[in-house]
Amino acid sequence: MVVVVMDISIVNVALPEIRRDLHASVSGLQWTVDAYTLVLAGFLLLAGSTADRVGRRRIFQVGLAVFGLGSLLCGLAPSIGWLTAARALQAVGAAMLNPVAMAIIATTFSDRAERARAIGVFGSMSGLSLGLGPILGGALVDGFGWRSIFWINVPIVVVAIVCTALFVPESRAARARRFDPVGQTLVVLVLGSVVYAIIESTRLGWTSPVILGLLAAAVTGALGILGYEPRRVDPLLELRLFRSVPFSAAILIALWALCAFGAFLFVTTTYLQDVRGMSALTAGLCLLPVGVLIVVLAPLTGRLVGGRGPRLPLVVSGAALALGGGASIWLGPATPLPAVLAIYLLFGIAQGTINPPITNTAVSGMPRSMAGVAASLASTGRQTGTTLGVAISGTIVGSAASRGGMAFTSAEHDVWWLVLGLGVGILVLGLISTGRWALDTAGRAAALFEGMDRGAELRTAALHRR
C-alpha cells in the first residue's frame, strides 16, 4: 500500500521538472495526477466486488503485477500523453490493491477493537506514504531525474508479490456478487465527464459545446445509476448501503477531506518551487511535518475510534482543515518560512485524524459479505476527492502557475476558501453522523444485508438438498 498511496503524492513534487522536460501545460500536469486518481476511483468498486467473488489474494497479486508494469512504462514515457496513459495503467493495478487490502484486514480481524487498531496501522502506512512521497520524490528528482520516482516501484512490487504468496490468506465473500457492466460503465462516465469538464474548462470555456455535453453526460449517467442499480440483485454501486447515515457521511467526508488535501498538495508544491524558488528536495522536506503528524496521529486515532467512537477525530480534523485553509489565504511569496510550516501542521493534523474514522465507519457494522463493497466505496470517495481537488485547484490557479510570484498567490486564494469550507462541512457532518439517530440508521442497514445473506444461504442449502 505504501507505493500505491505514495504515487498520489510523490508525483506532485516532480511536476515542475516534468513540465520543463516534457514541455507540458498546466492541464497536462493535472492529467498526470488525475489520470491515476480518476481511473483508481472509477474501478475500485469493480475490483472490490471481483475480489469478493474470485479471491482477494489472487486479485491483489494481479494488481501488483499491473501496477509494476505501469510504473515501468511511466519511467519510459517520451511525452506527456504517454505518461498520462501509463499513469492510467498504473491505476488499473492500484484499483485492485487498495480496497482488497482493506477487505483482507476487515475479514481477518473479527474483534471490533482489534480491527480498529489494525485499521489504525493501515492508516499510518497510508500516512507514511503521503509523508514520504514529497521527500523521497524530491530526493529522487534532484539526484536521478523525475523518471526515477516510477522506477523505484518495480523492485518493491516484486517483493510484495512474493510476500503476498507467502503470508496473505485467500478469502472470498460467502455470497458471490455478479459482474455489473452497465453500472461500471455509468460510474466511469460520470467521473470521467465531470473531471474532464473541470480540467478542460479553462481552455475551452464553460459554455463551449464540449463542456456542456460532458456535463449533460455526467447528469445522464448519474440518473442512469439511480434508475438502474436498485433493480439489480448484485449492483456494482450498492445504493442500499447509503441508508446508513454514518456510512453515507463517511463517504462524503472522505470525498471532502481528500479533495482539500489533493488541492493542498497540488498548489503547495508549485508554491514552494516556482514561487519561493526551492529545489524539489527542499520542497519535499517542507512537507515533512505533514507526513510526521499523519504517521503519529493515524494509529492513535485508530485506537481512539476503537475505544470512544469517531466523533472527536472528525471534529478535530474538520476544525484543523478549516483553520489551515483560512490561514493559507494570507500566504505570500515572502511569508516567513516558520509561519508557512506552522500552517502546514494544521493540514497534517487534519489528514492524520480523518482516515481511521472514515474507514472504520464504512466497514464496521456491515456483514462480511459486504466488506469489499463497503471498503471500495470508502476508497472511491477518497480517490474521487483527490481527483476533484487537483482538477478544481489546477483550474483555479490556471495560467498564474507559470507567472509565479504574487500572481500565483493571489490566484490560489479561492483554493484556500474552498478548503476552509470543506473543513467546516466535515466538522458539521462529523457531529450529525455520530448521533443516536444516525447510529440507529446504521443498525437498520446492517440488519437488511444480514437478512439478505441468511435468505441466500437458505436458498443455497435448499438447492443442495434437492
Protein backbone atom coordinates (compact mmCIF):
# COMPACT_ATOMS: atom_id res chain seq x y z
CA MET A 1 0.00 0.00 0.00
CA VAL A 2 2.95 2.33 0.52
CA VAL A 3 3.73 2.59 -3.20
CA VAL A 4 0.06 2.85 -4.22
CA VAL A 5 -0.64 5.81 -1.94
CA MET A 6 2.81 7.32 -2.43
CA ASP A 7 2.20 7.58 -6.16
CA ILE A 8 -0.55 10.10 -5.40
CA SER A 9 1.80 12.48 -3.55
CA ILE A 10 5.23 11.64 -4.98
CA VAL A 11 4.27 12.91 -8.44
CA ASN A 12 3.27 16.35 -7.16
CA VAL A 13 6.82 17.31 -6.19
CA ALA A 14 8.06 16.24 -9.64
CA LEU A 15 5.50 18.28 -11.60
CA PRO A 16 7.73 21.33 -12.23
CA GLU A 17 10.51 19.06 -13.56
CA ILE A 18 8.03 17.09 -15.69
CA ARG A 19 6.65 20.34 -17.11
CA ARG A 20 10.12 21.52 -18.14
CA ASP A 21 11.28 18.17 -19.53
CA LEU A 22 8.13 17.25 -21.46
CA HIS A 23 7.00 20.84 -22.20
CA ALA A 24 3.67 20.19 -20.54
CA SER A 25 0.84 22.67 -19.95
CA VAL A 26 -0.97 23.12 -16.61
CA SER A 27 -3.79 20.88 -17.85
CA GLY A 28 -1.18 18.28 -18.84
CA LEU A 29 0.15 18.33 -15.29
CA GLN A 30 -3.38 17.99 -13.93
CA TRP A 31 -3.89 14.90 -16.09
CA THR A 32 -0.59 13.44 -14.87
CA VAL A 33 -2.07 13.36 -11.39
CA ASP A 34 -5.73 12.82 -12.26
CA ALA A 35 -5.24 10.02 -14.80
CA TYR A 36 -4.11 7.97 -11.82
CA THR A 37 -6.72 9.02 -9.26
CA LEU A 38 -9.59 9.10 -11.79
CA VAL A 39 -9.03 5.54 -13.05
CA LEU A 40 -8.43 4.43 -9.48
CA ALA A 41 -11.77 5.89 -8.39
CA GLY A 42 -13.61 4.52 -11.42
CA PHE A 43 -12.54 0.89 -10.99
CA LEU A 44 -12.28 0.47 -7.21
CA LEU A 45 -15.87 -0.76 -6.97
CA LEU A 46 -15.34 -3.37 -9.69
CA ALA A 47 -12.08 -4.52 -8.09
CA GLY A 48 -13.61 -4.85 -4.62
CA SER A 49 -16.62 -6.87 -5.74
CA THR A 50 -14.49 -9.02 -8.07
CA ALA A 51 -12.08 -9.79 -5.24
CA ASP A 52 -15.01 -10.81 -3.03
CA ARG A 53 -16.06 -13.26 -5.74
CA VAL A 54 -12.78 -14.52 -7.27
CA GLY A 55 -10.49 -14.35 -4.25
CA ARG A 56 -8.88 -11.37 -2.55
CA ARG A 57 -5.30 -12.66 -2.59
CA ARG A 58 -5.50 -13.56 -6.28
CA ILE A 59 -6.77 -10.10 -7.29
CA PHE A 60 -4.19 -8.47 -5.03
CA GLN A 61 -1.34 -10.28 -6.84
CA VAL A 62 -2.69 -9.41 -10.29
CA GLY A 63 -2.98 -5.79 -9.19
CA LEU A 64 0.64 -5.74 -8.05
CA ALA A 65 1.83 -7.03 -11.41
CA VAL A 66 -0.20 -4.48 -13.42
CA PHE A 67 0.90 -1.66 -11.11
CA GLY A 68 4.54 -2.62 -11.58
CA LEU A 69 4.20 -2.70 -15.38
CA GLY A 70 2.50 0.70 -15.37
CA SER A 71 5.29 2.14 -13.21
CA LEU A 72 7.93 0.85 -15.62
CA LEU A 73 6.13 2.43 -18.60
CA CYS A 74 5.76 5.75 -16.73
CA GLY A 75 9.53 5.86 -16.34
CA LEU A 76 9.97 5.34 -20.10
CA ALA A 77 7.30 7.82 -21.27
CA PRO A 78 8.58 10.09 -24.11
CA SER A 79 5.75 12.67 -23.86
CA ILE A 80 3.05 13.92 -21.51
CA GLY A 81 0.45 11.92 -23.44
CA TRP A 82 2.36 8.67 -22.99
CA LEU A 83 2.93 9.47 -19.32
CA THR A 84 -0.79 10.05 -18.81
CA ALA A 85 -1.63 6.72 -20.47
CA ALA A 86 0.95 4.85 -18.37
CA ARG A 87 -0.42 6.50 -15.22
CA ALA A 88 -3.87 5.18 -16.16
CA LEU A 89 -2.45 1.65 -16.48
CA GLN A 90 -0.76 2.08 -13.11
CA ALA A 91 -4.11 2.99 -11.63
CA VAL A 92 -5.80 -0.13 -13.02
CA GLY A 93 -3.38 -2.16 -10.93
CA ALA A 94 -3.73 0.13 -7.93
CA ALA A 95 -7.52 -0.27 -8.04
CA MET A 96 -7.02 -3.99 -7.33
CA LEU A 97 -4.90 -3.24 -4.25
CA ASN A 98 -6.47 -0.52 -2.12
CA PRO A 99 -9.96 -1.91 -1.36
CA VAL A 100 -8.78 -5.50 -1.42
CA ALA A 101 -6.17 -4.83 1.26
CA MET A 102 -8.83 -3.21 3.45
CA ALA A 103 -11.23 -6.12 2.89
CA ILE A 104 -8.46 -8.56 3.90
CA ILE A 105 -7.99 -6.62 7.14
CA ALA A 106 -11.73 -6.43 7.80
CA THR A 107 -12.21 -10.19 7.37
CA THR A 108 -9.03 -11.19 9.24
CA PHE A 109 -9.73 -9.17 12.40
CA SER A 110 -13.22 -10.05 13.64
CA ASP A 111 -12.94 -8.32 17.03
CA ARG A 112 -14.10 -4.69 16.82
CA ALA A 113 -11.26 -3.23 18.90
CA GLU A 114 -8.59 -5.31 17.13
CA ARG A 115 -9.96 -4.30 13.76
CA ALA A 116 -9.89 -0.63 14.74
CA ARG A 117 -6.24 -0.94 15.78
CA ALA A 118 -5.36 -2.78 12.57
CA ILE A 119 -7.09 -0.08 10.53
CA GLY A 120 -5.10 2.48 12.50
CA VAL A 121 -1.85 0.77 11.49
CA PHE A 122 -3.11 0.60 7.91
CA GLY A 123 -3.92 4.31 8.08
CA SER A 124 -0.46 5.07 9.40
CA MET A 125 1.04 3.31 6.37
CA SER A 126 -1.10 5.48 4.12
CA GLY A 127 0.02 8.50 6.10
CA LEU A 128 3.64 7.41 5.92
CA SER A 129 3.28 7.14 2.15
CA LEU A 130 1.80 10.61 1.81
CA GLY A 131 4.54 11.99 4.02
CA LEU A 132 7.38 10.10 2.35
CA GLY A 133 6.13 10.87 -1.16
CA PRO A 134 7.26 14.51 -1.42
CA ILE A 135 10.53 13.86 0.46
CA LEU A 136 11.54 10.72 -1.42
CA GLY A 137 10.26 12.23 -4.64
CA GLY A 138 12.30 15.37 -4.10
CA ALA A 139 15.47 13.39 -3.40
CA LEU A 140 14.97 11.17 -6.45
CA VAL A 141 14.13 14.07 -8.77
CA ASP A 142 17.16 16.08 -7.65
CA GLY A 143 19.51 13.07 -7.76
CA PHE A 144 18.28 10.92 -10.66
CA GLY A 145 15.55 12.82 -12.52
CA TRP A 146 11.76 12.58 -12.40
CA ARG A 147 11.62 9.17 -14.11
CA SER A 148 13.20 7.51 -11.07
CA ILE A 149 10.09 8.15 -8.96
CA PHE A 150 8.35 5.48 -11.04
CA TRP A 151 11.22 3.03 -11.45
CA ILE A 152 11.57 2.68 -7.68
CA ASN A 153 8.16 0.98 -7.57
CA VAL A 154 9.26 -2.03 -9.62
CA PRO A 155 11.51 -3.84 -7.09
CA ILE A 156 9.05 -3.07 -4.28
CA VAL A 157 6.24 -4.68 -6.27
CA VAL A 158 8.32 -7.81 -6.91
CA VAL A 159 8.95 -8.23 -3.17
CA ALA A 160 5.27 -7.60 -2.42
CA ILE A 161 4.14 -10.31 -4.87
CA VAL A 162 6.37 -12.86 -3.15
CA CYS A 163 5.28 -11.81 0.35
CA THR A 164 1.61 -11.96 -0.66
CA ALA A 165 2.04 -15.54 -1.80
CA LEU A 166 3.73 -16.45 1.49
CA PHE A 167 1.71 -14.58 4.11
CA VAL A 168 -1.70 -13.40 2.86
CA PRO A 169 -4.52 -15.96 3.31
CA GLU A 170 -7.02 -16.37 0.49
CA SER A 171 -10.56 -15.25 1.30
CA ARG A 172 -13.85 -14.75 -0.50
CA ALA A 173 -17.28 -13.44 0.35
CA ALA A 174 -19.80 -16.06 1.44
CA ARG A 175 -22.14 -14.85 -1.29
CA ALA A 176 -20.53 -14.04 -4.65
CA ARG A 177 -21.61 -10.83 -6.37
CA ARG A 178 -22.27 -10.76 -10.11
CA PHE A 179 -20.42 -8.55 -12.58
CA ASP A 180 -22.32 -5.34 -13.43
CA PRO A 181 -21.02 -3.97 -16.77
CA VAL A 182 -23.74 -1.34 -17.10
CA GLY A 183 -23.12 0.03 -13.62
CA GLN A 184 -19.36 0.09 -14.22
CA THR A 185 -19.82 2.00 -17.47
CA LEU A 186 -22.10 4.54 -15.82
CA VAL A 187 -19.68 5.16 -12.94
CA VAL A 188 -16.76 5.76 -15.33
CA LEU A 189 -18.98 8.00 -17.50
CA VAL A 190 -19.95 10.21 -14.55
CA LEU A 191 -16.48 10.55 -13.04
CA GLY A 192 -14.68 10.94 -16.35
CA SER A 193 -17.12 13.53 -17.71
CA VAL A 194 -17.02 15.70 -14.59
CA VAL A 195 -13.22 15.68 -14.26
CA TYR A 196 -12.61 16.23 -17.99
CA ALA A 197 -15.05 19.15 -17.98
CA ILE A 198 -13.35 20.79 -14.99
CA ILE A 199 -9.80 20.40 -16.31
CA GLU A 200 -10.54 21.49 -19.87
CA SER A 201 -12.93 24.31 -18.93
CA THR A 202 -10.02 26.77 -18.73
CA ARG A 203 -9.04 26.08 -22.34
CA LEU A 204 -12.49 25.60 -23.88
CA GLY A 205 -14.74 27.70 -21.64
CA TRP A 206 -17.70 26.55 -19.55
CA THR A 207 -20.19 27.46 -22.28
CA SER A 208 -18.46 25.50 -25.06
CA PRO A 209 -20.46 22.63 -26.62
CA VAL A 210 -17.86 20.10 -25.49
CA ILE A 211 -18.02 21.11 -21.83
CA LEU A 212 -21.83 21.38 -21.82
CA GLY A 213 -22.03 17.96 -23.50
CA LEU A 214 -19.76 16.43 -20.86
CA LEU A 215 -21.82 17.88 -18.03
CA ALA A 216 -25.00 16.58 -19.69
CA ALA A 217 -23.40 13.14 -19.99
CA ALA A 218 -22.49 13.22 -16.29
CA VAL A 219 -26.07 14.10 -15.29
CA THR A 220 -27.46 11.39 -17.58
CA GLY A 221 -25.03 8.85 -16.11
CA ALA A 222 -25.99 9.79 -12.56
CA LEU A 223 -29.70 9.41 -13.35
CA GLY A 224 -28.92 6.08 -15.01
CA ILE A 225 -27.19 4.86 -11.84
CA LEU A 226 -30.13 5.90 -9.66
CA GLY A 227 -32.59 4.18 -12.01
CA TYR A 228 -30.68 1.03 -12.94
CA GLU A 229 -28.65 -0.05 -9.91
CA PRO A 230 -31.52 -0.54 -7.38
CA ARG A 231 -33.13 -3.08 -9.74
CA ARG A 232 -30.10 -5.38 -9.78
CA VAL A 233 -29.71 -8.22 -7.32
CA ASP A 234 -25.97 -7.51 -7.05
CA PRO A 235 -25.40 -3.91 -8.13
CA LEU A 236 -21.90 -2.53 -8.58
CA LEU A 237 -22.90 0.56 -6.61
CA GLU A 238 -24.81 -0.79 -3.62
CA LEU A 239 -27.11 2.18 -3.01
CA ARG A 240 -28.80 0.48 -0.04
CA LEU A 241 -25.61 0.99 1.96
CA PHE A 242 -26.40 4.70 1.89
CA ARG A 243 -29.44 4.10 4.08
CA SER A 244 -26.88 4.17 6.89
CA VAL A 245 -26.28 7.83 7.78
CA PRO A 246 -22.80 7.13 9.25
CA PHE A 247 -21.80 5.24 6.09
CA SER A 248 -23.12 7.98 3.80
CA ALA A 249 -21.37 10.60 5.92
CA ALA A 250 -18.12 8.61 5.82
CA ILE A 251 -18.16 8.58 2.01
CA LEU A 252 -18.95 12.29 1.78
CA ILE A 253 -16.32 13.18 4.40
CA ALA A 254 -13.76 11.06 2.53
CA LEU A 255 -14.54 12.97 -0.66
CA TRP A 256 -14.32 16.39 1.03
CA ALA A 257 -11.20 15.64 3.06
CA LEU A 258 -9.21 14.27 0.14
CA CYS A 259 -10.47 17.00 -2.19
CA ALA A 260 -8.96 19.51 0.22
CA PHE A 261 -5.73 17.54 0.63
CA GLY A 262 -5.35 16.94 -3.11
CA ALA A 263 -5.73 20.68 -3.71
CA PHE A 264 -3.24 21.39 -0.90
CA LEU A 265 -0.56 19.14 -2.40
CA PHE A 266 -1.04 20.36 -5.97
CA VAL A 267 -0.93 24.06 -5.06
CA THR A 268 1.72 23.79 -2.33
CA THR A 269 4.40 22.04 -4.39
CA THR A 270 4.04 24.73 -7.08
CA TYR A 271 4.13 27.49 -4.46
CA LEU A 272 7.29 26.15 -2.81
CA GLN A 273 9.23 25.51 -6.03
CA ASP A 274 8.01 28.11 -8.52
CA VAL A 275 7.14 30.98 -6.16
CA ARG A 276 9.74 30.54 -3.41
CA GLY A 277 12.40 29.03 -5.69
CA MET A 278 13.06 25.86 -3.67
CA SER A 279 14.55 22.67 -5.08
CA ALA A 280 12.38 19.56 -5.27
CA LEU A 281 14.10 18.06 -2.22
CA THR A 282 13.77 21.21 -0.12
CA ALA A 283 10.10 21.47 -1.04
CA GLY A 284 9.62 17.85 -0.03
CA LEU A 285 11.32 18.49 3.31
CA CYS A 286 8.95 21.39 3.95
CA LEU A 287 6.10 18.86 3.77
CA LEU A 288 7.84 16.57 6.27
CA PRO A 289 5.85 17.96 9.25
CA VAL A 290 2.65 16.97 7.45
CA GLY A 291 3.85 13.39 6.94
CA VAL A 292 5.17 13.07 10.50
CA LEU A 293 1.86 14.17 12.00
CA ILE A 294 -0.07 11.75 9.78
CA VAL A 295 2.18 8.85 10.79
CA VAL A 296 1.94 9.69 14.50
CA LEU A 297 -1.75 10.56 14.66
CA ALA A 298 -3.27 7.83 12.44
CA PRO A 299 -2.62 4.86 14.79
CA LEU A 300 -3.52 6.94 17.85
CA THR A 301 -6.74 7.97 16.15
CA GLY A 302 -7.44 4.33 15.25
CA ARG A 303 -7.24 3.36 18.93
CA LEU A 304 -9.40 6.34 19.89
CA VAL A 305 -12.03 5.37 17.34
CA GLY A 306 -12.00 1.77 18.63
CA GLY A 307 -12.47 2.88 22.23
CA ARG A 308 -14.63 6.01 22.05
CA GLY A 309 -16.03 6.29 18.54
CA PRO A 310 -15.33 8.58 15.56
CA ARG A 311 -16.88 11.89 16.73
CA LEU A 312 -13.84 13.58 18.32
CA PRO A 313 -11.38 12.76 15.47
CA LEU A 314 -13.87 14.03 12.88
CA VAL A 315 -14.39 17.30 14.75
CA VAL A 316 -10.64 17.79 15.22
CA SER A 317 -9.93 17.04 11.57
CA GLY A 318 -12.62 19.38 10.27
CA ALA A 319 -11.55 22.21 12.57
CA ALA A 320 -7.85 21.81 11.67
CA LEU A 321 -8.64 21.76 7.95
CA ALA A 322 -10.78 24.89 8.20
CA LEU A 323 -8.07 26.71 10.17
CA GLY A 324 -5.41 25.58 7.70
CA GLY A 325 -7.42 26.82 4.74
CA GLY A 326 -8.18 30.13 6.43
CA ALA A 327 -4.56 30.73 7.46
CA SER A 328 -3.27 29.84 3.95
CA ILE A 329 -5.18 32.77 2.47
CA TRP A 330 -2.52 35.06 3.99
CA LEU A 331 0.46 33.24 2.45
CA GLY A 332 2.61 35.30 0.08
CA PRO A 333 5.97 34.98 -1.72
CA ALA A 334 7.84 36.45 1.29
CA THR A 335 5.89 34.88 4.18
CA PRO A 336 8.44 33.72 6.81
CA LEU A 337 9.11 30.00 6.38
CA PRO A 338 8.35 29.13 10.06
CA ALA A 339 4.87 30.59 9.61
CA VAL A 340 4.39 28.56 6.43
CA LEU A 341 5.43 25.34 8.17
CA ALA A 342 3.15 26.12 11.13
CA ILE A 343 0.19 26.34 8.74
CA TYR A 344 1.19 23.04 7.14
CA LEU A 345 0.99 21.42 10.58
CA LEU A 346 -2.75 22.05 10.55
CA PHE A 347 -3.07 20.04 7.34
CA GLY A 348 -1.07 17.22 8.96
CA ILE A 349 -3.45 17.18 11.92
CA ALA A 350 -6.47 17.18 9.61
CA GLN A 351 -5.19 14.30 7.46
CA GLY A 352 -3.80 12.31 10.39
CA THR A 353 -7.14 12.19 12.19
CA ILE A 354 -9.53 11.64 9.28
CA ASN A 355 -8.75 8.24 7.68
CA PRO A 356 -9.33 5.86 10.64
CA PRO A 357 -12.84 7.18 11.43
CA ILE A 358 -13.77 7.13 7.73
CA THR A 359 -12.61 3.56 7.17
CA ASN A 360 -13.90 2.19 10.46
CA THR A 361 -17.32 3.75 9.93
CA ALA A 362 -17.57 2.45 6.37
CA VAL A 363 -16.68 -1.16 7.24
CA SER A 364 -17.79 -1.66 10.85
CA GLY A 365 -21.28 -2.97 11.44
CA MET A 366 -21.59 -4.35 7.92
CA PRO A 367 -21.78 -8.13 7.26
CA ARG A 368 -18.55 -9.67 5.99
CA SER A 369 -20.14 -10.28 2.61
CA MET A 370 -20.29 -6.50 2.14
CA ALA A 371 -16.76 -5.76 3.40
CA GLY A 372 -15.22 -5.45 -0.05
CA VAL A 373 -18.01 -3.27 -1.42
CA ALA A 374 -18.06 -1.00 1.64
CA ALA A 375 -14.27 -0.60 1.63
CA SER A 376 -14.33 0.06 -2.11
CA LEU A 377 -16.88 2.83 -1.71
CA ALA A 378 -14.79 4.46 1.03
CA SER A 379 -11.69 4.28 -1.16
CA THR A 380 -13.68 5.58 -4.14
CA GLY A 381 -14.70 8.58 -2.07
CA ARG A 382 -11.06 9.28 -1.23
CA GLN A 383 -9.78 8.95 -4.79
CA THR A 384 -12.67 10.91 -6.27
CA GLY A 385 -11.96 13.65 -3.76
CA THR A 386 -8.25 13.73 -4.66
CA THR A 387 -9.13 13.83 -8.36
CA LEU A 388 -11.55 16.71 -7.92
CA GLY A 389 -9.12 18.57 -5.65
CA VAL A 390 -6.40 18.53 -8.31
CA ALA A 391 -8.84 19.32 -11.12
CA ILE A 392 -10.50 22.22 -9.32
CA SER A 393 -7.34 23.76 -7.86
CA GLY A 394 -5.48 23.49 -11.16
CA THR A 395 -8.37 25.17 -12.94
CA ILE A 396 -8.47 27.96 -10.35
CA VAL A 397 -4.75 28.83 -10.50
CA GLY A 398 -4.64 28.24 -14.27
CA SER A 399 -2.13 30.35 -16.16
CA ALA A 400 -0.95 32.03 -12.93
CA ALA A 401 1.14 28.89 -12.27
CA SER A 402 3.59 29.91 -14.99
CA ARG A 403 3.79 33.57 -13.89
CA GLY A 404 4.58 32.81 -10.23
CA GLY A 405 5.03 35.42 -7.50
CA MET A 406 2.03 37.48 -6.42
CA ALA A 407 0.04 36.36 -9.47
CA PHE A 408 0.06 32.78 -8.21
CA THR A 409 -0.54 33.54 -4.53
CA SER A 410 -3.46 35.79 -5.47
CA ALA A 411 -4.97 33.13 -7.72
CA GLU A 412 -4.73 30.44 -5.05
CA HIS A 413 -6.85 32.42 -2.55
CA ASP A 414 -10.00 30.83 -3.98
CA VAL A 415 -8.46 27.38 -3.44
CA TRP A 416 -7.97 28.14 0.25
CA TRP A 417 -11.51 29.45 0.62
CA LEU A 418 -12.70 26.13 -0.82
CA VAL A 419 -10.54 24.23 1.67
CA LEU A 420 -11.92 26.29 4.55
CA GLY A 421 -15.49 25.50 3.50
CA LEU A 422 -14.74 21.78 3.18
CA GLY A 423 -13.26 21.77 6.70
CA VAL A 424 -16.40 23.36 8.14
CA GLY A 425 -18.52 20.82 6.28
CA ILE A 426 -16.54 17.89 7.73
CA LEU A 427 -16.90 19.29 11.25
CA VAL A 428 -20.68 19.66 10.92
CA LEU A 429 -21.17 16.30 9.23
CA GLY A 430 -19.00 14.61 11.88
CA LEU A 431 -21.32 15.88 14.61
CA ILE A 432 -24.50 14.87 12.77
CA SER A 433 -23.34 11.40 11.71
CA THR A 434 -22.30 10.27 15.21
CA GLY A 435 -25.61 10.98 16.97
CA ARG A 436 -28.12 8.40 18.18
CA TRP A 437 -30.46 8.81 15.21
CA ALA A 438 -27.60 8.26 12.75
CA LEU A 439 -26.40 5.15 14.58
CA ASP A 440 -29.94 3.71 14.51
CA THR A 441 -29.99 4.02 10.71
CA ALA A 442 -26.68 2.10 10.55
CA GLY A 443 -28.17 -0.73 12.57
CA ARG A 444 -31.19 -1.00 10.30
CA ALA A 445 -28.99 -1.00 7.17
CA ALA A 446 -26.77 -3.78 8.55
CA ALA A 447 -29.83 -5.85 9.51
CA LEU A 448 -31.13 -5.52 5.94
CA PHE A 449 -27.98 -7.09 4.47
CA GLU A 450 -27.77 -9.76 7.16
CA GLY A 451 -31.32 -10.78 6.31
CA MET A 452 -30.46 -10.94 2.63
CA ASP A 453 -27.39 -13.10 3.36
CA ARG A 454 -29.40 -15.53 5.52
CA GLY A 455 -32.02 -15.80 2.79
CA ALA A 456 -29.35 -16.55 0.19
CA GLU A 457 -27.79 -19.20 2.43
CA LEU A 458 -31.18 -20.89 2.99
CA ARG A 459 -31.90 -20.95 -0.75
CA THR A 460 -28.45 -22.44 -1.44
CA ALA A 461 -28.95 -25.11 1.21
CA ALA A 462 -32.37 -26.00 -0.23
CA LEU A 463 -30.91 -26.41 -3.71
CA HIS A 464 -28.18 -28.68 -2.35
CA ARG A 465 -30.75 -30.89 -0.59
CA ARG A 466 -32.61 -31.32 -3.87
